[in-house]
Structures are given as C-alpha cells and as structure tokens.
Amino acid sequence: MPENIGPRVRHPRGERSQAWHASVRQQRKDAADRVPLLRLNETRGPEYAQAIREASQRLVFLDNELTGLPIAEVAARTFKSVHRRLGDGEYDSRYERDIRSAASELAEVAGWVLFDAEQHEAARRFNQEALFLARLSGDRSIELLILQNVAMQSGWLGRYREELAVARAVIEQDRLSPRVEAIFRMREARGLAGCGALAEAGRTFEKARSLLECDDPSGAPAWAWWIMPNEIDGHHGHALQSAGDHAGAVRFLQRSTEQRGGPVVGHRGMAPARMLNCLLHLCAWNDAEELAVGIVPTVGETASARTLRLLHEAVQSGLTSAKAPPRLRDALKHLDDTMHADPYAL
C-alpha cells in the first residue's frame, strides 16, 4: 500500500472528516485497481480469468527483470490460491473453461520458476497440475508449452530418452508453427546428444535454426516469444560441453552470449557460466580471467539457482586447478566471494 495516501493533517469530526476519509478510501481503491494481483480474490467471472493471466504476466516480467528475481515461492503461492478456488468452485461456472485455461498457464509459470530454482519435485507437481488443467480446458497451445517444460526438466535431470520421447511425440502428433517446431526440434536435439547421437543432434539443431529463419512470429503463440537463435546456440553449446567437446562448445556459447536484438531472459547468465567452464578446461587462462571479471557485476543480481550452480562448478574447477595462474585465481576467488556475499548488503 502506498504511504503517501493523503495529507497528514488532523481534521475535526464531521462532514469534512468524512469527506477526507472517503477520499483516502477512493485513493486506496484506485491504487489496488492498478495492482491486478489483488483482484485474484475479488472476481468470479471473466474478470477472474483476466486477473489470473495478469498475475502470470507480472511473474514472467519479474522472472526476466535484471538477471531474474527470486519469485518461485510467490508464483507457487499465487497458483495455490487459484487452485483452492478451483477446487471449492468459487467462480462463475459459465466461464469455467477460460478460468481453467488461465490457471493452467499460471501453473506453468510456477513450474518453470520452480525448475529454475532447482526445486524439481515441486516443479514436476506444478507441471502435472498445469497439464491437467490445460487438458480440462482444451487449451492445446498452453499444453505444448508445458510439454516443452517437461522435456526440458527431463533432460536437465539426465533423463535424455524421456526428453527425446516427449519432443518426438509432439512433433509427430501436432501441426506446429515453424517457431514452435523449432522449440521441440531443439529439445529433440538435446535428447539425441544426451543419448550419444551427436552427429544427428547437430543436424537437428541446424533444423531448429532454419525453422526460425523462415518463421513469421505473428503466426506463433504468444508464449513462444523467447525462442531465438542465441537460445538454440546456448543449448547446442551445452550439448557439446556435456559430451566433452569444450572447443566446439565455446563457439556456440560465445554466439549465445551475444544479444542480437532478441528478448532478454532471466537465465541469460547460463551461457557465460558454461563458457567459463569450457575455457578453464581448455587452459585458456586469459580469456577465462576476462570472462570471470565480466560476470562479477551481475552475479549478485542473479536468482537462477541453475545458473549459480553452473558458476559454482566452474569456479571450483578453476580454483582447484594446479595450472591456473595467480591472476585468474584472484578473479575466480572474487567471483566466488561475490556469489556468496550477503544478498542484503548494500
């Protein structure tokens, strides 16, 4: 609630006092109306579906602001309030389908941020609930996004065959726009790489890039805004890194770190973290030092637990290397201290 809600003077009782309090109440109401999250508990019909969607949009904005803000608990609690109302029937049943569709999107957002926070069991539960609601509402579009998240989490946890199976099931069963197909081709490529089929994975990554080149974004669902060539490059680089081809990975990771007019995402620190690890493996000490110094200014704002874990692993690899020169060790130690600094210190 904003503090500056009215003049801090005392009025005598009577009409003037009543008018002033009425003005204050109106100002508070106006302020509340500008915060859609507050409407989640106040609406029942089509406005409720819209309030849920606005909550999702705000969470997505916060997830991508700075280098990501820590919103996993907020997202989970927001969806839980909606989930309770759905179970209790506290809404106008005439708009049930639209409300459930909006709720599935909110559950998807919560599942994503929980995944990025490495809360994997919780993320799986929210993804399952999101799928359930999407299917109840008949919203195949948001169901596809949830399936991409399911495949992504499977791959992150080393379940590459599962990632591959989900991707191929979608590609075979659906008529996809080029942009959405590119997303699932990327997931297919990651699954192939994880299963050891690197050559086929490379061709599939190229297929994903070519789909973006001929894509008309206006024909794709709104949720596909984040897929860009540098996103595919980052995944390609990670696949090569995981396979031990650090030199091959650097080229794609370097391309991924270049912002080429695409959208900004909160997990954009992952490619530099992976590249730092690769440079250390290649004993490219000067490049690794320069990169470590460049990461320091933003690492204190990074909320992505996956990014921080990758950075921690890279830093420890460098600090424990007997070959690393003193200046690089100092840079890595400074990066490590910054990562573990008091987040509330100014």
Protein backbone atom coordinates (compact mmCIF):
# COMPACT_ATOMS: atom_id res chain seq x y z
CA MET A 1 0.00 0.00 0.00
CA PRO A 2 1.50 3.41 -0.95
CA GLU A 3 2.42 5.55 2.03
CA ASN A 4 1.53 8.92 0.53
CA ILE A 5 -2.24 8.41 0.51
CA GLY A 6 -3.34 11.82 1.77
CA PRO A 7 -2.37 14.93 3.71
CA ARG A 8 -1.00 14.18 7.13
CA VAL A 9 -3.14 16.75 8.95
CA ARG A 10 -5.84 16.35 11.55
CA HIS A 11 -9.43 17.28 10.73
CA PRO A 12 -12.27 17.90 13.13
CA ARG A 13 -15.04 15.34 13.22
CA GLY A 14 -17.94 16.00 10.90
CA GLU A 15 -18.52 16.34 7.20
CA ARG A 16 -15.01 17.45 6.39
CA SER A 17 -13.53 14.43 8.17
CA GLN A 18 -15.93 12.04 6.46
CA ALA A 19 -15.14 13.53 3.05
CA TRP A 20 -11.43 13.23 3.69
CA HIS A 21 -11.72 9.58 4.73
CA ALA A 22 -13.87 8.89 1.68
CA SER A 23 -11.14 10.43 -0.47
CA VAL A 24 -8.50 8.29 1.20
CA ARG A 25 -10.59 5.14 0.66
CA GLN A 26 -11.01 6.03 -3.01
CA GLN A 27 -7.27 6.58 -3.40
CA ARG A 28 -6.61 3.21 -1.82
CA LYS A 29 -9.15 1.58 -4.10
CA ASP A 30 -7.56 3.25 -7.14
CA ALA A 31 -4.14 2.03 -6.04
CA ALA A 32 -5.46 -1.50 -5.58
CA ASP A 33 -7.08 -1.42 -9.01
CA ARG A 34 -3.65 -0.77 -10.52
CA VAL A 35 -2.31 -4.00 -8.99
CA PRO A 36 -4.06 -6.89 -10.77
CA LEU A 37 -2.71 -9.47 -8.29
CA LEU A 38 -5.09 -8.08 -5.66
CA ARG A 39 -8.07 -8.87 -7.86
CA LEU A 40 -7.46 -12.61 -7.69
CA ASN A 41 -9.58 -12.79 -4.54
CA GLU A 42 -12.26 -10.36 -5.71
CA THR A 43 -13.59 -11.66 -9.04
CA ARG A 44 -15.59 -14.67 -10.19
CA GLY A 45 -16.36 -14.38 -13.91
CA PRO A 46 -14.33 -13.42 -16.99
CA GLU A 47 -12.52 -10.82 -14.88
CA TYR A 48 -11.14 -13.68 -12.79
CA ALA A 49 -9.58 -15.34 -15.85
CA GLN A 50 -8.10 -11.98 -16.82
CA ALA A 51 -6.76 -11.39 -13.30
CA ILE A 52 -5.05 -14.82 -13.39
CA ARG A 53 -3.46 -14.01 -16.74
CA GLU A 54 -2.27 -10.64 -15.47
CA ALA A 55 -0.70 -12.39 -12.48
CA SER A 56 1.14 -14.73 -14.88
CA GLN A 57 2.35 -11.78 -16.96
CA ARG A 58 3.69 -9.99 -13.90
CA LEU A 59 5.53 -13.10 -12.75
CA VAL A 60 7.08 -13.58 -16.20
CA PHE A 61 8.18 -9.94 -16.19
CA LEU A 62 9.85 -10.33 -12.79
CA ASP A 63 11.48 -13.59 -13.84
CA ASN A 64 13.23 -11.76 -16.68
CA GLU A 65 13.95 -8.46 -14.93
CA LEU A 66 17.62 -7.79 -14.09
CA THR A 67 19.07 -11.31 -14.29
CA GLY A 68 15.97 -12.87 -12.81
CA LEU A 69 14.27 -12.18 -9.48
CA PRO A 70 13.63 -14.93 -6.88
CA ILE A 71 9.89 -15.44 -7.38
CA ALA A 72 9.44 -19.22 -7.03
CA GLU A 73 7.64 -19.00 -3.70
CA VAL A 74 5.49 -16.08 -4.85
CA ALA A 75 4.49 -17.95 -8.01
CA ALA A 76 3.69 -21.12 -6.09
CA ARG A 77 1.58 -19.28 -3.51
CA THR A 78 -0.25 -17.36 -6.24
CA PHE A 79 -1.21 -20.55 -8.03
CA LYS A 80 -2.16 -22.28 -4.79
CA SER A 81 -4.74 -19.54 -4.11
CA VAL A 82 -6.22 -20.12 -7.57
CA HIS A 83 -6.05 -23.91 -7.15
CA ARG A 84 -8.03 -23.67 -3.91
CA ARG A 85 -10.77 -21.61 -5.54
CA LEU A 86 -11.00 -24.02 -8.45
CA GLY A 87 -11.47 -26.91 -6.05
CA ASP A 88 -14.08 -25.07 -3.99
CA GLY A 89 -15.97 -23.83 -7.04
CA GLU A 90 -15.58 -20.17 -6.05
CA TYR A 91 -16.12 -18.83 -9.56
CA ASP A 92 -18.85 -18.41 -12.15
CA SER A 93 -19.18 -21.81 -13.82
CA ARG A 94 -20.19 -20.18 -17.11
CA TYR A 95 -16.56 -19.11 -17.52
CA GLU A 96 -15.02 -22.31 -16.18
CA ARG A 97 -13.17 -23.25 -19.35
CA ASP A 98 -11.45 -19.87 -19.69
CA ILE A 99 -10.60 -19.76 -15.99
CA ARG A 100 -9.07 -23.23 -16.10
CA SER A 101 -7.08 -22.28 -19.19
CA ALA A 102 -5.71 -19.20 -17.41
CA ALA A 103 -4.96 -21.30 -14.31
CA SER A 104 -3.01 -23.82 -16.39
CA GLU A 105 -0.81 -21.00 -17.67
CA LEU A 106 -0.21 -19.75 -14.13
CA ALA A 107 0.72 -23.28 -13.01
CA GLU A 108 3.11 -23.50 -15.97
CA VAL A 109 4.82 -20.26 -14.91
CA ALA A 110 5.15 -21.59 -11.36
CA GLY A 111 6.52 -24.88 -12.67
CA TRP A 112 9.14 -23.05 -14.74
CA VAL A 113 10.41 -20.81 -11.94
CA LEU A 114 10.49 -23.74 -9.51
CA PHE A 115 12.56 -25.66 -12.06
CA ASP A 116 14.97 -22.74 -12.43
CA ALA A 117 15.19 -22.62 -8.62
CA GLU A 118 16.15 -26.33 -8.71
CA GLN A 119 13.01 -27.29 -6.76
CA HIS A 120 12.50 -30.24 -9.06
CA GLU A 121 9.90 -32.28 -7.21
CA ALA A 122 7.74 -29.21 -6.75
CA ALA A 123 8.25 -28.23 -10.39
CA ARG A 124 7.08 -31.66 -11.52
CA ARG A 125 3.93 -31.38 -9.39
CA PHE A 126 3.06 -27.96 -10.78
CA ASN A 127 3.73 -29.11 -14.35
CA GLN A 128 1.42 -32.08 -13.84
CA GLU A 129 -1.32 -29.81 -12.49
CA ALA A 130 -0.77 -27.43 -15.39
CA LEU A 131 -1.18 -30.30 -17.88
CA PHE A 132 -4.33 -31.47 -16.13
CA LEU A 133 -5.91 -28.01 -16.28
CA ALA A 134 -4.84 -27.44 -19.88
CA ARG A 135 -6.46 -30.69 -20.96
CA LEU A 136 -9.63 -29.99 -18.99
CA SER A 137 -9.93 -26.62 -20.70
CA GLY A 138 -8.96 -27.95 -24.13
CA ASP A 139 -6.10 -25.45 -24.42
CA ARG A 140 -3.65 -27.37 -26.63
CA SER A 141 -1.44 -24.33 -27.13
CA ILE A 142 -0.51 -23.94 -23.47
CA GLU A 143 -0.31 -27.75 -23.20
CA LEU A 144 2.50 -27.65 -25.77
CA LEU A 145 4.43 -25.14 -23.66
CA ILE A 146 4.03 -27.34 -20.60
CA LEU A 147 5.23 -30.38 -22.54
CA GLN A 148 8.33 -28.44 -23.60
CA ASN A 149 8.96 -27.67 -19.92
CA VAL A 150 8.51 -31.33 -19.02
CA ALA A 151 11.02 -32.34 -21.70
CA MET A 152 13.44 -29.64 -20.57
CA GLN A 153 13.34 -30.80 -16.96
CA SER A 154 13.80 -34.42 -18.02
CA GLY A 155 16.94 -33.50 -19.94
CA TRP A 156 18.30 -31.35 -17.11
CA LEU A 157 17.93 -34.31 -14.73
CA GLY A 158 19.71 -36.65 -17.15
CA ARG A 159 16.58 -38.40 -18.42
CA TYR A 160 17.56 -37.87 -22.06
CA ARG A 161 15.48 -40.69 -23.51
CA GLU A 162 12.41 -39.16 -21.87
CA GLU A 163 13.26 -35.71 -23.25
CA LEU A 164 13.62 -37.22 -26.72
CA ALA A 165 10.36 -39.15 -26.45
CA VAL A 166 8.33 -36.09 -25.41
CA ALA A 167 9.81 -33.95 -28.19
CA ARG A 168 9.21 -36.53 -30.90
CA ALA A 169 5.67 -37.28 -29.72
CA VAL A 170 4.75 -33.60 -30.11
CA ILE A 171 6.48 -33.26 -33.49
CA GLU A 172 4.75 -36.37 -34.85
CA GLN A 173 1.27 -35.64 -33.47
CA ASP A 174 0.84 -31.89 -33.99
CA ARG A 175 0.85 -29.46 -36.88
CA LEU A 176 3.22 -26.91 -35.42
CA SER A 177 4.13 -23.40 -36.48
CA PRO A 178 7.82 -23.11 -37.51
CA ARG A 179 8.64 -21.29 -34.27
CA VAL A 180 7.05 -23.94 -32.04
CA GLU A 181 8.56 -26.76 -34.09
CA ALA A 182 11.97 -25.11 -33.60
CA ILE A 183 11.48 -25.36 -29.84
CA PHE A 184 10.72 -29.07 -29.99
CA ARG A 185 13.50 -29.72 -32.52
CA MET A 186 15.85 -28.10 -30.02
CA ARG A 187 14.55 -30.45 -27.31
CA GLU A 188 14.89 -33.37 -29.71
CA ALA A 189 18.50 -32.38 -30.39
CA ARG A 190 19.26 -32.17 -26.67
CA GLY A 191 17.77 -35.61 -26.14
CA LEU A 192 19.79 -37.05 -29.04
CA ALA A 193 23.01 -35.52 -27.73
CA GLY A 194 22.35 -36.90 -24.27
CA CYS A 195 21.84 -40.36 -25.79
CA GLY A 196 25.21 -40.10 -27.58
CA ALA A 197 23.95 -39.35 -31.12
CA LEU A 198 25.99 -36.16 -31.50
CA ALA A 199 26.07 -36.04 -35.29
CA GLU A 200 22.28 -36.40 -35.54
CA ALA A 201 21.89 -33.87 -32.75
CA GLY A 202 23.97 -31.34 -34.67
CA ARG A 203 21.78 -31.75 -37.75
CA THR A 204 18.67 -31.32 -35.62
CA PHE A 205 19.99 -28.12 -34.05
CA GLU A 206 20.54 -26.80 -37.58
CA LYS A 207 16.98 -27.78 -38.46
CA ALA A 208 15.75 -25.74 -35.48
CA ARG A 209 17.74 -22.70 -36.65
CA SER A 210 16.43 -22.99 -40.20
CA LEU A 211 12.84 -23.11 -38.92
CA LEU A 212 13.37 -19.78 -37.18
CA GLU A 213 14.78 -18.24 -40.35
CA CYS A 214 11.56 -18.90 -42.26
CA ASP A 215 9.21 -18.17 -39.36
CA ASP A 216 6.59 -15.47 -39.16
CA PRO A 217 6.34 -14.68 -35.41
CA SER A 218 2.79 -13.40 -35.86
CA GLY A 219 1.65 -16.94 -36.62
CA ALA A 220 3.11 -18.42 -33.42
CA PRO A 221 1.54 -18.49 -29.94
CA ALA A 222 2.44 -15.60 -27.64
CA TRP A 223 4.31 -17.92 -25.26
CA ALA A 224 6.94 -18.72 -27.93
CA TRP A 225 8.46 -15.22 -27.64
CA TRP A 226 11.68 -16.47 -26.04
CA ILE A 227 12.96 -18.82 -28.75
CA MET A 228 15.73 -17.11 -30.73
CA PRO A 229 18.90 -18.31 -32.49
CA ASN A 230 21.05 -17.46 -29.47
CA GLU A 231 18.83 -19.68 -27.29
CA ILE A 232 19.43 -22.58 -29.68
CA ASP A 233 23.16 -21.77 -29.74
CA GLY A 234 23.29 -21.98 -25.96
CA HIS A 235 21.69 -25.41 -25.95
CA HIS A 236 23.96 -26.60 -28.75
CA GLY A 237 26.99 -25.40 -26.82
CA HIS A 238 25.82 -27.14 -23.66
CA ALA A 239 25.30 -30.38 -25.57
CA LEU A 240 28.88 -30.24 -26.87
CA GLN A 241 30.23 -29.29 -23.45
CA SER A 242 28.45 -32.25 -21.85
CA ALA A 243 29.98 -34.51 -24.50
CA GLY A 244 33.48 -33.23 -23.62
CA ASP A 245 33.96 -31.13 -26.78
CA HIS A 246 34.86 -27.92 -24.98
CA ALA A 247 36.47 -26.28 -28.00
CA GLY A 248 33.41 -26.92 -30.12
CA ALA A 249 31.14 -25.69 -27.33
CA VAL A 250 32.88 -22.31 -26.96
CA ARG A 251 31.90 -21.18 -30.47
CA PHE A 252 28.20 -21.71 -29.82
CA LEU A 253 28.29 -20.41 -26.26
CA GLN A 254 30.04 -17.25 -27.45
CA ARG A 255 27.32 -16.71 -30.04
CA SER A 256 24.69 -17.33 -27.36
CA THR A 257 26.06 -14.56 -25.14
CA GLU A 258 25.72 -12.00 -27.93
CA GLN A 259 22.43 -10.14 -27.65
CA ARG A 260 21.28 -9.87 -31.24
CA GLY A 261 18.04 -7.95 -30.89
CA GLY A 262 16.16 -10.76 -29.22
CA PRO A 263 14.24 -10.76 -25.95
CA VAL A 264 16.06 -10.62 -22.62
CA VAL A 265 15.60 -13.64 -20.36
CA GLY A 266 16.43 -14.04 -16.69
CA HIS A 267 18.51 -17.18 -17.22
CA ARG A 268 20.84 -15.49 -19.72
CA GLY A 269 23.79 -15.99 -17.36
CA MET A 270 23.88 -19.72 -18.11
CA ALA A 271 25.87 -19.47 -21.35
CA PRO A 272 28.70 -17.40 -19.78
CA ALA A 273 28.82 -19.84 -16.86
CA ARG A 274 29.19 -22.79 -19.24
CA MET A 275 31.72 -20.92 -21.35
CA LEU A 276 33.83 -20.17 -18.27
CA ASN A 277 33.93 -23.88 -17.51
CA CYS A 278 34.96 -24.67 -21.10
CA LEU A 279 37.72 -22.04 -21.14
CA LEU A 280 39.14 -23.44 -17.91
CA HIS A 281 39.16 -26.95 -19.37
CA LEU A 282 40.98 -25.59 -22.45
CA CYS A 283 43.52 -23.76 -20.24
CA ALA A 284 42.58 -20.50 -21.98
CA TRP A 285 43.62 -18.60 -18.87
CA ASN A 286 43.46 -15.01 -20.17
CA ASP A 287 40.03 -15.48 -21.74
CA ALA A 288 38.77 -17.18 -18.59
CA GLU A 289 40.05 -14.33 -16.40
CA GLU A 290 38.42 -11.71 -18.62
CA LEU A 291 35.12 -13.59 -18.58
CA ALA A 292 35.18 -14.09 -14.80
CA VAL A 293 35.77 -10.37 -14.25
CA GLY A 294 32.91 -9.59 -16.64
CA ILE A 295 30.47 -11.83 -14.77
CA VAL A 296 31.09 -10.25 -11.35
CA PRO A 297 28.92 -7.10 -11.78
CA THR A 298 25.71 -9.06 -12.40
CA VAL A 299 26.19 -12.20 -10.34
CA GLY A 300 24.84 -10.52 -7.20
CA GLU A 301 21.55 -9.94 -9.03
CA THR A 302 21.30 -13.49 -10.38
CA ALA A 303 18.47 -15.52 -8.87
CA SER A 304 18.59 -18.56 -11.18
CA ALA A 305 19.77 -21.44 -8.99
CA ARG A 306 20.74 -23.38 -12.11
CA THR A 307 22.98 -20.52 -13.27
CA LEU A 308 24.58 -20.15 -9.85
CA ARG A 309 25.27 -23.87 -9.64
CA LEU A 310 26.95 -23.84 -13.05
CA LEU A 311 29.05 -20.86 -11.98
CA HIS A 312 29.98 -22.53 -8.69
CA GLU A 313 31.12 -25.67 -10.54
CA ALA A 314 33.20 -23.61 -12.99
CA VAL A 315 34.81 -21.54 -10.24
CA GLN A 316 35.71 -24.59 -8.17
CA SER A 317 37.20 -26.24 -11.25
CA GLY A 318 39.49 -23.26 -11.73
CA LEU A 319 40.41 -22.82 -8.07
CA THR A 320 41.38 -26.46 -7.71
CA SER A 321 43.47 -26.49 -10.90
CA ALA A 322 47.18 -26.52 -10.13
CA LYS A 323 47.84 -24.94 -13.53
CA ALA A 324 45.67 -21.84 -13.09
CA PRO A 325 47.83 -18.67 -12.85
CA PRO A 326 47.57 -16.39 -9.80
CA ARG A 327 45.66 -13.57 -11.55
CA LEU A 328 42.99 -16.00 -12.72
CA ARG A 329 42.74 -17.48 -9.22
CA ASP A 330 42.22 -13.99 -7.81
CA ALA A 331 39.49 -13.27 -10.35
CA LEU A 332 37.75 -16.57 -9.61
CA LYS A 333 38.05 -16.02 -5.85
CA HIS A 334 36.48 -12.57 -6.24
CA LEU A 335 33.67 -14.09 -8.31
CA ASP A 336 33.16 -16.78 -5.67
CA ASP A 337 33.06 -14.21 -2.84
CA THR A 338 30.53 -12.13 -4.76
CA MET A 339 28.30 -15.15 -5.34
CA HIS A 340 28.27 -15.94 -1.62
CA ALA A 341 28.04 -12.36 -0.36
CA ASP A 342 25.21 -11.20 1.89
CA PRO A 343 22.35 -10.54 -0.58
CA TYR A 344 21.03 -7.73 1.65
CA ALA A 345 24.33 -5.87 1.89
CA LEU A 346 24.50 -2.56 0.01
